[in-house]
Amino acid sequence: MSARPVRVVLLDQAKAEFEELNRIAAKQQAKGEKSSEEMQLLKSIKQKIEIIKLNPVYGDKIPKEQIPKNLDVPNLFHVGLTGYWRMVYSLQGNQIEIVAFVLYIVDHPSYDKIFGYRKK
């Protein structure tokens, strides 16, 4: 646990995916749906964000040699979401706060593609 506050910021792809899920879930709720895949995924993302705020190193640490060079981040973590989705984030901090930058919210095949995993 950290004495410094933790802020979670969704960037680029993660922000776009989160906004799209919110849009879809809102439409579904308006139609009376109670528990779609999108609603469950959105709930899962929100839960993981709250956990990360309490414990920023909650996720599984991705080994440095597996971090794609184009990301240019010093560390990377991933957490599993419902439906085999993944949320990938990097931590940066100073004396005042820790910021968890969420880079990706992706399904499993997209996650495998980002990290260069191949199907066996």
N, C-alpha and C. Protein backbone atom coordinates (compact mmCIF):
# COMPACT_ATOMS: atom_id res chain seq x y z
N MET A 1 0.84 -1.19 0.00
CA MET A 1 0.00 0.00 0.00
C MET A 1 0.88 1.24 0.00
N SER A 2 0.39 2.25 -0.66
CA SER A 2 1.17 3.46 -0.81
C SER A 2 0.59 4.58 0.05
N ALA A 3 1.51 5.38 0.64
CA ALA A 3 1.07 6.54 1.41
C ALA A 3 0.68 7.67 0.45
N ARG A 4 1.25 7.62 -0.75
CA ARG A 4 0.91 8.63 -1.76
C ARG A 4 -0.40 8.27 -2.46
N PRO A 5 -1.18 9.28 -2.81
CA PRO A 5 -2.42 8.98 -3.55
C PRO A 5 -2.10 8.43 -4.94
N VAL A 6 -2.99 7.58 -5.43
CA VAL A 6 -2.82 6.99 -6.75
C VAL A 6 -3.94 7.50 -7.65
N ARG A 7 -3.53 8.01 -8.79
CA ARG A 7 -4.48 8.50 -9.79
C ARG A 7 -4.41 7.57 -10.98
N VAL A 8 -5.55 7.23 -11.55
CA VAL A 8 -5.60 6.36 -12.72
C VAL A 8 -6.05 7.19 -13.91
N VAL A 9 -5.24 7.18 -14.98
CA VAL A 9 -5.52 7.96 -16.17
C VAL A 9 -5.61 7.02 -17.37
N LEU A 10 -6.71 7.07 -18.10
CA LEU A 10 -6.85 6.27 -19.30
C LEU A 10 -6.34 7.06 -20.50
N LEU A 11 -5.44 6.46 -21.26
CA LEU A 11 -4.85 7.12 -22.42
C LEU A 11 -5.33 6.48 -23.72
N ASP A 12 -5.35 7.25 -24.77
CA ASP A 12 -5.52 6.81 -26.15
C ASP A 12 -6.48 5.64 -26.33
N GLN A 13 -5.94 4.45 -26.65
CA GLN A 13 -6.78 3.29 -26.95
C GLN A 13 -7.66 2.94 -25.77
N ALA A 14 -7.11 2.96 -24.56
CA ALA A 14 -7.87 2.59 -23.37
C ALA A 14 -9.04 3.56 -23.15
N LYS A 15 -8.77 4.84 -23.33
CA LYS A 15 -9.81 5.86 -23.15
C LYS A 15 -10.92 5.67 -24.19
N ALA A 16 -10.52 5.44 -25.44
CA ALA A 16 -11.50 5.26 -26.52
C ALA A 16 -12.35 4.02 -26.26
N GLU A 17 -11.72 2.93 -25.84
CA GLU A 17 -12.44 1.68 -25.57
C GLU A 17 -13.41 1.86 -24.40
N PHE A 18 -12.97 2.54 -23.34
CA PHE A 18 -13.79 2.79 -22.16
C PHE A 18 -15.01 3.64 -22.54
N GLU A 19 -14.78 4.69 -23.33
CA GLU A 19 -15.88 5.56 -23.76
C GLU A 19 -16.87 4.81 -24.63
N GLU A 20 -16.35 3.95 -25.52
CA GLU A 20 -17.23 3.16 -26.39
C GLU A 20 -18.06 2.18 -25.57
N LEU A 21 -17.44 1.53 -24.59
CA LEU A 21 -18.18 0.61 -23.71
C LEU A 21 -19.27 1.35 -22.94
N ASN A 22 -18.96 2.54 -22.45
CA ASN A 22 -19.95 3.35 -21.74
C ASN A 22 -21.13 3.68 -22.65
N ARG A 23 -20.82 4.04 -23.90
CA ARG A 23 -21.86 4.40 -24.87
C ARG A 23 -22.77 3.19 -25.15
N ILE A 24 -22.16 2.05 -25.41
CA ILE A 24 -22.92 0.83 -25.71
C ILE A 24 -23.76 0.42 -24.50
N ALA A 25 -23.16 0.43 -23.31
CA ALA A 25 -23.87 0.02 -22.09
C ALA A 25 -25.04 0.96 -21.80
N ALA A 26 -24.87 2.24 -22.04
CA ALA A 26 -25.95 3.21 -21.81
C ALA A 26 -27.14 2.90 -22.73
N LYS A 27 -26.84 2.60 -23.99
CA LYS A 27 -27.90 2.24 -24.94
C LYS A 27 -28.62 0.98 -24.49
N GLN A 28 -27.84 0.00 -24.04
CA GLN A 28 -28.42 -1.27 -23.61
C GLN A 28 -29.30 -1.07 -22.38
N GLN A 29 -28.84 -0.25 -21.44
CA GLN A 29 -29.64 0.03 -20.25
C GLN A 29 -30.94 0.71 -20.63
N ALA A 30 -30.87 1.63 -21.58
CA ALA A 30 -32.07 2.35 -22.03
C ALA A 30 -33.08 1.38 -22.62
N LYS A 31 -32.59 0.27 -23.20
CA LYS A 31 -33.48 -0.75 -23.76
C LYS A 31 -33.94 -1.75 -22.71
N GLY A 32 -33.47 -1.56 -21.47
CA GLY A 32 -33.91 -2.43 -20.38
C GLY A 32 -33.00 -3.61 -20.09
N GLU A 33 -31.88 -3.71 -20.79
CA GLU A 33 -30.95 -4.81 -20.50
C GLU A 33 -30.31 -4.60 -19.14
N LYS A 34 -30.07 -5.71 -18.44
CA LYS A 34 -29.53 -5.61 -17.09
C LYS A 34 -28.07 -6.05 -16.99
N SER A 35 -27.64 -7.00 -17.85
CA SER A 35 -26.31 -7.55 -17.66
C SER A 35 -25.71 -8.07 -18.97
N SER A 36 -25.38 -7.16 -19.86
CA SER A 36 -24.75 -7.56 -21.12
C SER A 36 -23.25 -7.77 -20.92
N GLU A 37 -22.59 -8.31 -21.94
CA GLU A 37 -21.14 -8.48 -21.86
C GLU A 37 -20.45 -7.12 -21.66
N GLU A 38 -20.93 -6.11 -22.37
CA GLU A 38 -20.34 -4.77 -22.26
C GLU A 38 -20.51 -4.20 -20.85
N MET A 39 -21.68 -4.40 -20.27
CA MET A 39 -21.93 -3.90 -18.91
C MET A 39 -21.02 -4.62 -17.91
N GLN A 40 -20.87 -5.93 -18.09
CA GLN A 40 -20.00 -6.69 -17.19
C GLN A 40 -18.55 -6.25 -17.33
N LEU A 41 -18.10 -6.02 -18.57
CA LEU A 41 -16.73 -5.58 -18.81
C LEU A 41 -16.49 -4.19 -18.20
N LEU A 42 -17.45 -3.30 -18.37
CA LEU A 42 -17.35 -1.96 -17.80
C LEU A 42 -17.24 -2.02 -16.27
N LYS A 43 -18.07 -2.86 -15.67
CA LYS A 43 -18.04 -3.03 -14.21
C LYS A 43 -16.68 -3.59 -13.78
N SER A 44 -16.18 -4.54 -14.53
CA SER A 44 -14.88 -5.15 -14.24
C SER A 44 -13.76 -4.11 -14.31
N ILE A 45 -13.79 -3.26 -15.33
CA ILE A 45 -12.77 -2.21 -15.49
C ILE A 45 -12.82 -1.26 -14.29
N LYS A 46 -14.02 -0.82 -13.94
CA LYS A 46 -14.17 0.11 -12.82
C LYS A 46 -13.68 -0.51 -11.51
N GLN A 47 -13.97 -1.80 -11.30
CA GLN A 47 -13.51 -2.48 -10.09
C GLN A 47 -11.98 -2.54 -10.05
N LYS A 48 -11.36 -2.89 -11.18
CA LYS A 48 -9.89 -2.99 -11.22
C LYS A 48 -9.25 -1.62 -11.02
N ILE A 49 -9.84 -0.57 -11.53
CA ILE A 49 -9.31 0.78 -11.33
C ILE A 49 -9.31 1.12 -9.84
N GLU A 50 -10.39 0.77 -9.15
CA GLU A 50 -10.45 1.04 -7.70
C GLU A 50 -9.39 0.23 -6.94
N ILE A 51 -9.18 -1.01 -7.36
CA ILE A 51 -8.14 -1.84 -6.73
C ILE A 51 -6.76 -1.23 -6.96
N ILE A 52 -6.51 -0.78 -8.19
CA ILE A 52 -5.21 -0.17 -8.52
C ILE A 52 -4.99 1.10 -7.69
N LYS A 53 -6.05 1.85 -7.44
CA LYS A 53 -5.93 3.06 -6.61
C LYS A 53 -5.48 2.69 -5.20
N LEU A 54 -5.92 1.54 -4.71
CA LEU A 54 -5.54 1.09 -3.37
C LEU A 54 -4.17 0.41 -3.36
N ASN A 55 -3.86 -0.29 -4.44
CA ASN A 55 -2.61 -1.04 -4.54
C ASN A 55 -2.09 -0.97 -5.98
N PRO A 56 -1.27 0.04 -6.30
CA PRO A 56 -0.86 0.26 -7.69
C PRO A 56 -0.11 -0.91 -8.33
N VAL A 57 0.53 -1.75 -7.54
CA VAL A 57 1.25 -2.89 -8.12
C VAL A 57 0.41 -4.18 -8.08
N TYR A 58 -0.90 -4.02 -8.06
CA TYR A 58 -1.83 -5.14 -8.01
C TYR A 58 -1.67 -6.08 -9.22
N GLY A 59 -1.49 -5.51 -10.39
CA GLY A 59 -1.44 -6.32 -11.61
C GLY A 59 -0.21 -7.19 -11.70
N ASP A 60 -0.23 -8.08 -12.67
CA ASP A 60 0.93 -8.93 -12.95
C ASP A 60 1.96 -8.10 -13.70
N LYS A 61 3.19 -8.08 -13.19
CA LYS A 61 4.26 -7.30 -13.81
C LYS A 61 4.71 -8.01 -15.09
N ILE A 62 4.80 -7.26 -16.15
CA ILE A 62 5.28 -7.78 -17.43
C ILE A 62 6.80 -7.61 -17.45
N PRO A 63 7.55 -8.69 -17.70
CA PRO A 63 9.02 -8.57 -17.71
C PRO A 63 9.50 -7.51 -18.71
N LYS A 64 10.53 -6.77 -18.33
CA LYS A 64 11.06 -5.67 -19.15
C LYS A 64 11.31 -6.09 -20.60
N GLU A 65 11.88 -7.29 -20.77
CA GLU A 65 12.21 -7.72 -22.14
C GLU A 65 10.97 -8.01 -22.98
N GLN A 66 9.80 -8.11 -22.35
CA GLN A 66 8.56 -8.36 -23.10
C GLN A 66 7.78 -7.08 -23.38
N ILE A 67 8.24 -5.95 -22.83
CA ILE A 67 7.54 -4.68 -23.08
C ILE A 67 7.85 -4.22 -24.50
N PRO A 68 6.82 -4.04 -25.33
CA PRO A 68 7.08 -3.56 -26.69
C PRO A 68 7.84 -2.23 -26.67
N LYS A 69 8.88 -2.15 -27.51
CA LYS A 69 9.76 -0.97 -27.54
C LYS A 69 8.98 0.31 -27.86
N ASN A 70 7.93 0.19 -28.69
CA ASN A 70 7.17 1.38 -29.09
C ASN A 70 6.41 2.02 -27.93
N LEU A 71 6.26 1.29 -26.82
CA LEU A 71 5.54 1.86 -25.67
C LEU A 71 6.40 2.82 -24.87
N ASP A 72 7.71 2.60 -24.85
CA ASP A 72 8.64 3.50 -24.16
C ASP A 72 8.20 3.81 -22.73
N VAL A 73 7.97 2.75 -21.96
CA VAL A 73 7.59 2.89 -20.55
C VAL A 73 8.57 2.10 -19.69
N PRO A 74 8.82 2.55 -18.45
CA PRO A 74 9.79 1.86 -17.60
C PRO A 74 9.25 0.57 -16.97
N ASN A 75 7.92 0.43 -16.91
CA ASN A 75 7.31 -0.75 -16.31
C ASN A 75 5.94 -0.96 -16.92
N LEU A 76 5.43 -2.16 -16.79
CA LEU A 76 4.13 -2.47 -17.36
C LEU A 76 3.49 -3.59 -16.55
N PHE A 77 2.20 -3.44 -16.31
CA PHE A 77 1.42 -4.43 -15.55
C PHE A 77 0.17 -4.76 -16.36
N HIS A 78 -0.36 -5.94 -16.12
CA HIS A 78 -1.67 -6.23 -16.71
C HIS A 78 -2.55 -6.89 -15.67
N VAL A 79 -3.85 -6.63 -15.80
CA VAL A 79 -4.84 -7.27 -14.95
C VAL A 79 -5.88 -7.91 -15.86
N GLY A 80 -6.37 -9.06 -15.41
CA GLY A 80 -7.41 -9.74 -16.16
C GLY A 80 -8.76 -9.11 -15.88
N LEU A 81 -9.55 -9.01 -16.92
CA LEU A 81 -10.92 -8.50 -16.81
C LEU A 81 -11.87 -9.63 -17.19
N THR A 82 -13.13 -9.41 -17.01
CA THR A 82 -14.12 -10.40 -17.38
C THR A 82 -14.05 -10.69 -18.88
N GLY A 83 -14.43 -11.88 -19.29
CA GLY A 83 -14.47 -12.23 -20.71
C GLY A 83 -13.10 -12.33 -21.35
N TYR A 84 -12.08 -12.64 -20.57
CA TYR A 84 -10.69 -12.77 -21.05
C TYR A 84 -10.12 -11.49 -21.63
N TRP A 85 -10.63 -10.35 -21.22
CA TRP A 85 -10.06 -9.07 -21.63
C TRP A 85 -8.90 -8.75 -20.70
N ARG A 86 -8.06 -7.81 -21.11
CA ARG A 86 -6.91 -7.38 -20.32
C ARG A 86 -6.86 -5.86 -20.25
N MET A 87 -6.39 -5.36 -19.11
CA MET A 87 -6.12 -3.93 -18.96
C MET A 87 -4.63 -3.82 -18.67
N VAL A 88 -3.94 -3.03 -19.48
CA VAL A 88 -2.49 -2.89 -19.38
C VAL A 88 -2.17 -1.48 -18.92
N TYR A 89 -1.32 -1.36 -17.88
CA TYR A 89 -1.00 -0.03 -17.35
C TYR A 89 0.46 0.07 -16.93
N SER A 90 0.91 1.32 -16.88
CA SER A 90 2.28 1.63 -16.46
C SER A 90 2.20 2.61 -15.29
N LEU A 91 3.15 2.47 -14.36
CA LEU A 91 3.18 3.36 -13.19
C LEU A 91 4.30 4.39 -13.31
N GLN A 92 3.97 5.61 -12.94
CA GLN A 92 4.97 6.67 -12.82
C GLN A 92 4.64 7.42 -11.55
N GLY A 93 5.65 7.90 -10.87
CA GLY A 93 5.37 8.59 -9.62
C GLY A 93 6.43 9.60 -9.26
N ASN A 94 6.09 10.39 -8.26
CA ASN A 94 7.02 11.35 -7.68
C ASN A 94 6.73 11.38 -6.18
N GLN A 95 7.24 12.38 -5.48
CA GLN A 95 7.04 12.43 -4.03
C GLN A 95 5.58 12.70 -3.66
N ILE A 96 4.81 13.23 -4.60
CA ILE A 96 3.45 13.64 -4.30
C ILE A 96 2.40 12.58 -4.60
N GLU A 97 2.53 11.93 -5.76
CA GLU A 97 1.51 10.98 -6.15
C GLU A 97 2.08 9.90 -7.07
N ILE A 98 1.29 8.86 -7.25
CA ILE A 98 1.59 7.81 -8.22
C ILE A 98 0.49 7.88 -9.27
N VAL A 99 0.89 7.79 -10.53
CA VAL A 99 -0.10 7.79 -11.60
C VAL A 99 -0.02 6.47 -12.34
N ALA A 100 -1.16 5.80 -12.46
CA ALA A 100 -1.26 4.58 -13.26
C ALA A 100 -1.85 4.99 -14.60
N PHE A 101 -1.02 4.90 -15.64
CA PHE A 101 -1.48 5.23 -16.99
C PHE A 101 -1.98 3.95 -17.66
N VAL A 102 -3.29 3.87 -17.89
CA VAL A 102 -3.85 2.70 -18.56
C VAL A 102 -3.67 2.90 -20.06
N LEU A 103 -2.89 2.00 -20.67
CA LEU A 103 -2.56 2.13 -22.08
C LEU A 103 -3.51 1.35 -22.98
N TYR A 104 -3.95 0.19 -22.49
CA TYR A 104 -4.81 -0.66 -23.31
C TYR A 104 -5.90 -1.31 -22.48
N ILE A 105 -7.07 -1.42 -23.10
CA ILE A 105 -8.15 -2.28 -22.62
C ILE A 105 -8.51 -3.09 -23.86
N VAL A 106 -8.08 -4.36 -23.86
CA VAL A 106 -8.18 -5.16 -25.08
C VAL A 106 -8.65 -6.58 -24.81
N ASP A 107 -9.19 -7.20 -25.86
CA ASP A 107 -9.55 -8.61 -25.75
C ASP A 107 -8.26 -9.44 -25.85
N HIS A 108 -8.39 -10.72 -25.58
CA HIS A 108 -7.20 -11.57 -25.51
C HIS A 108 -6.43 -11.65 -26.82
N PRO A 109 -7.10 -11.82 -27.98
CA PRO A 109 -6.33 -11.87 -29.24
C PRO A 109 -5.55 -10.57 -29.50
N SER A 110 -6.14 -9.43 -29.18
CA SER A 110 -5.45 -8.15 -29.37
C SER A 110 -4.26 -8.04 -28.42
N TYR A 111 -4.43 -8.51 -27.19
CA TYR A 111 -3.35 -8.51 -26.20
C TYR A 111 -2.18 -9.35 -26.73
N ASP A 112 -2.50 -10.54 -27.23
CA ASP A 112 -1.47 -11.42 -27.78
C ASP A 112 -0.72 -10.75 -28.93
N LYS A 113 -1.45 -10.02 -29.76
CA LYS A 113 -0.86 -9.34 -30.91
C LYS A 113 0.09 -8.23 -30.45
N ILE A 114 -0.33 -7.43 -29.47
CA ILE A 114 0.50 -6.33 -28.95
C ILE A 114 1.82 -6.86 -28.40
N PHE A 115 1.75 -8.00 -27.71
CA PHE A 115 2.94 -8.54 -27.06
C PHE A 115 3.65 -9.62 -27.88
N GLY A 116 3.20 -9.81 -29.11
CA GLY A 116 3.88 -10.72 -30.01
C GLY A 116 3.73 -12.18 -29.69
N TYR A 117 2.67 -12.54 -28.97
CA TYR A 117 2.44 -13.96 -28.67
C TYR A 117 1.78 -14.60 -29.88
N ARG A 118 2.17 -15.82 -30.16
CA ARG A 118 1.57 -16.55 -31.28
C ARG A 118 0.78 -17.73 -30.73
N LYS A 119 -0.25 -18.10 -31.48
CA LYS A 119 -1.02 -19.28 -31.10
C LYS A 119 -0.17 -20.51 -31.37
N LYS A 120 -0.32 -21.51 -30.50
CA LYS A 120 0.46 -22.73 -30.67
C LYS A 120 -0.28 -23.72 -31.54
